[in-house]
Amino acid sequence: TVEKEGLRDQVASVLSRMPRVLARSLELHFIEDKSQKDVAFEEGVSVAAVKTRVHRAKKEFKKLLDDMGS
């Protein structure tokens, strides 16, 4: 649908403005639906590092999304 495509474009736009390592963590975990363990294996880091990245990425994503809205 047009609405879904618009949302997808907005998400892609926000991700493109984020530091790559954070954007990649969000993409793998939420978009590709991989577990934090799988993301850690794929990225060659600990699960704790992935948890930290995802936490930071979510905060950054929200901040950028809010900035785009104003």
C-alpha atoms as a PDB file:
ATOM      1  CA  THR A   1       0.000   0.000   0.000  1.00  0.00           C
ATOM      2  CA  VAL A   2       0.985   3.624  -0.385  1.00  0.00           C
ATOM      3  CA  GLU A   3       0.938   4.128   3.381  1.00  0.00           C
ATOM      4  CA  LYS A   4       3.287   1.193   3.987  1.00  0.00           C
ATOM      5  CA  GLU A   5       5.639   2.410   1.253  1.00  0.00           C
ATOM      6  CA  GLY A   6       5.730   5.886   2.821  1.00  0.00           C
ATOM      7  CA  LEU A   7       6.594   4.424   6.197  1.00  0.00           C
ATOM      8  CA  ARG A   8       9.313   2.269   4.638  1.00  0.00           C
ATOM      9  CA  ASP A   9      10.786   5.367   2.945  1.00  0.00           C
ATOM     10  CA  GLN A  10      10.717   7.304   6.212  1.00  0.00           C
ATOM     11  CA  VAL A  11      12.470   4.486   8.093  1.00  0.00           C
ATOM     12  CA  ALA A  12      15.109   4.234   5.348  1.00  0.00           C
ATOM     13  CA  SER A  13      15.635   7.993   5.498  1.00  0.00           C
ATOM     14  CA  VAL A  14      16.172   7.958   9.264  1.00  0.00           C
ATOM     15  CA  LEU A  15      18.488   4.933   9.081  1.00  0.00           C
ATOM     16  CA  SER A  16      20.598   6.642   6.412  1.00  0.00           C
ATOM     17  CA  ARG A  17      21.248   9.533   8.814  1.00  0.00           C
ATOM     18  CA  MET A  18      22.418   7.282  11.642  1.00  0.00           C
ATOM     19  CA  PRO A  19      25.943   6.055  12.319  1.00  0.00           C
ATOM     20  CA  ARG A  20      26.305   2.906  10.190  1.00  0.00           C
ATOM     21  CA  VAL A  21      27.034   0.551  13.093  1.00  0.00           C
ATOM     22  CA  LEU A  22      23.833   1.590  14.873  1.00  0.00           C
ATOM     23  CA  ALA A  23      21.705   1.510  11.739  1.00  0.00           C
ATOM     24  CA  ARG A  24      23.002  -1.959  10.889  1.00  0.00           C
ATOM     25  CA  SER A  25      22.118  -3.265  14.354  1.00  0.00           C
ATOM     26  CA  LEU A  26      18.544  -1.990  13.994  1.00  0.00           C
ATOM     27  CA  GLU A  27      18.219  -3.368  10.478  1.00  0.00           C
ATOM     28  CA  LEU A  28      19.418  -6.830  11.450  1.00  0.00           C
ATOM     29  CA  HIS A  29      17.437  -7.060  14.668  1.00  0.00           C
ATOM     30  CA  PHE A  30      14.139  -5.403  13.735  1.00  0.00           C
ATOM     31  CA  ILE A  31      13.866  -5.439   9.956  1.00  0.00           C
ATOM     32  CA  GLU A  32      15.534  -8.784   9.274  1.00  0.00           C
ATOM     33  CA  ASP A  33      14.110 -10.159  12.559  1.00  0.00           C
ATOM     34  CA  LYS A  34      17.372 -11.705  13.752  1.00  0.00           C
ATOM     35  CA  SER A  35      17.978 -12.476  17.402  1.00  0.00           C
ATOM     36  CA  GLN A  36      20.555 -10.455  19.296  1.00  0.00           C
ATOM     37  CA  LYS A  37      22.655 -13.625  19.465  1.00  0.00           C
ATOM     38  CA  ASP A  38      22.538 -13.977  15.670  1.00  0.00           C
ATOM     39  CA  VAL A  39      23.385 -10.299  15.197  1.00  0.00           C
ATOM     40  CA  ALA A  40      26.328 -10.665  17.597  1.00  0.00           C
ATOM     41  CA  PHE A  41      27.637 -13.667  15.657  1.00  0.00           C
ATOM     42  CA  GLU A  42      27.219 -11.909  12.307  1.00  0.00           C
ATOM     43  CA  GLU A  43      28.903  -8.717  13.524  1.00  0.00           C
ATOM     44  CA  GLY A  44      31.643 -10.514  15.469  1.00  0.00           C
ATOM     45  CA  VAL A  45      30.774  -8.865  18.787  1.00  0.00           C
ATOM     46  CA  SER A  46      29.278  -9.955  22.114  1.00  0.00           C
ATOM     47  CA  VAL A  47      25.542 -10.105  22.789  1.00  0.00           C
ATOM     48  CA  ALA A  48      26.082  -7.355  25.381  1.00  0.00           C
ATOM     49  CA  ALA A  49      27.571  -5.140  22.654  1.00  0.00           C
ATOM     50  CA  VAL A  50      24.539  -5.776  20.443  1.00  0.00           C
ATOM     51  CA  LYS A  51      22.172  -4.917  23.300  1.00  0.00           C
ATOM     52  CA  THR A  52      24.046  -1.647  23.840  1.00  0.00           C
ATOM     53  CA  ARG A  53      24.023  -0.857  20.115  1.00  0.00           C
ATOM     54  CA  VAL A  54      20.310  -1.578  19.787  1.00  0.00           C
ATOM     55  CA  HIS A  55      19.540   0.579  22.828  1.00  0.00           C
ATOM     56  CA  ARG A  56      21.625   3.466  21.485  1.00  0.00           C
ATOM     57  CA  ALA A  57      20.235   2.991  17.987  1.00  0.00           C
ATOM     58  CA  LYS A  58      16.636   3.175  19.204  1.00  0.00           C
ATOM     59  CA  LYS A  59      17.370   6.429  21.059  1.00  0.00           C
ATOM     60  CA  GLU A  60      19.139   7.885  18.002  1.00  0.00           C
ATOM     61  CA  PHE A  61      16.338   6.742  15.678  1.00  0.00           C
ATOM     62  CA  LYS A  62      13.712   8.427  17.859  1.00  0.00           C
ATOM     63  CA  LYS A  63      15.757  11.632  18.094  1.00  0.00           C
ATOM     64  CA  LEU A  64      16.254  11.810  14.328  1.00  0.00           C
ATOM     65  CA  LEU A  65      12.602  11.018  13.679  1.00  0.00           C
ATOM     66  CA  ASP A  66      11.527  13.757  16.092  1.00  0.00           C
ATOM     67  CA  ASP A  67      13.953  16.214  14.441  1.00  0.00           C
ATOM     68  CA  MET A  68      12.546  15.407  11.008  1.00  0.00           C
ATOM     69  CA  GLY A  69       9.030  16.076  12.257  1.00  0.00           C
ATOM     70  CA  SER A  70       9.790  19.561  13.521  1.00  0.00           C
END
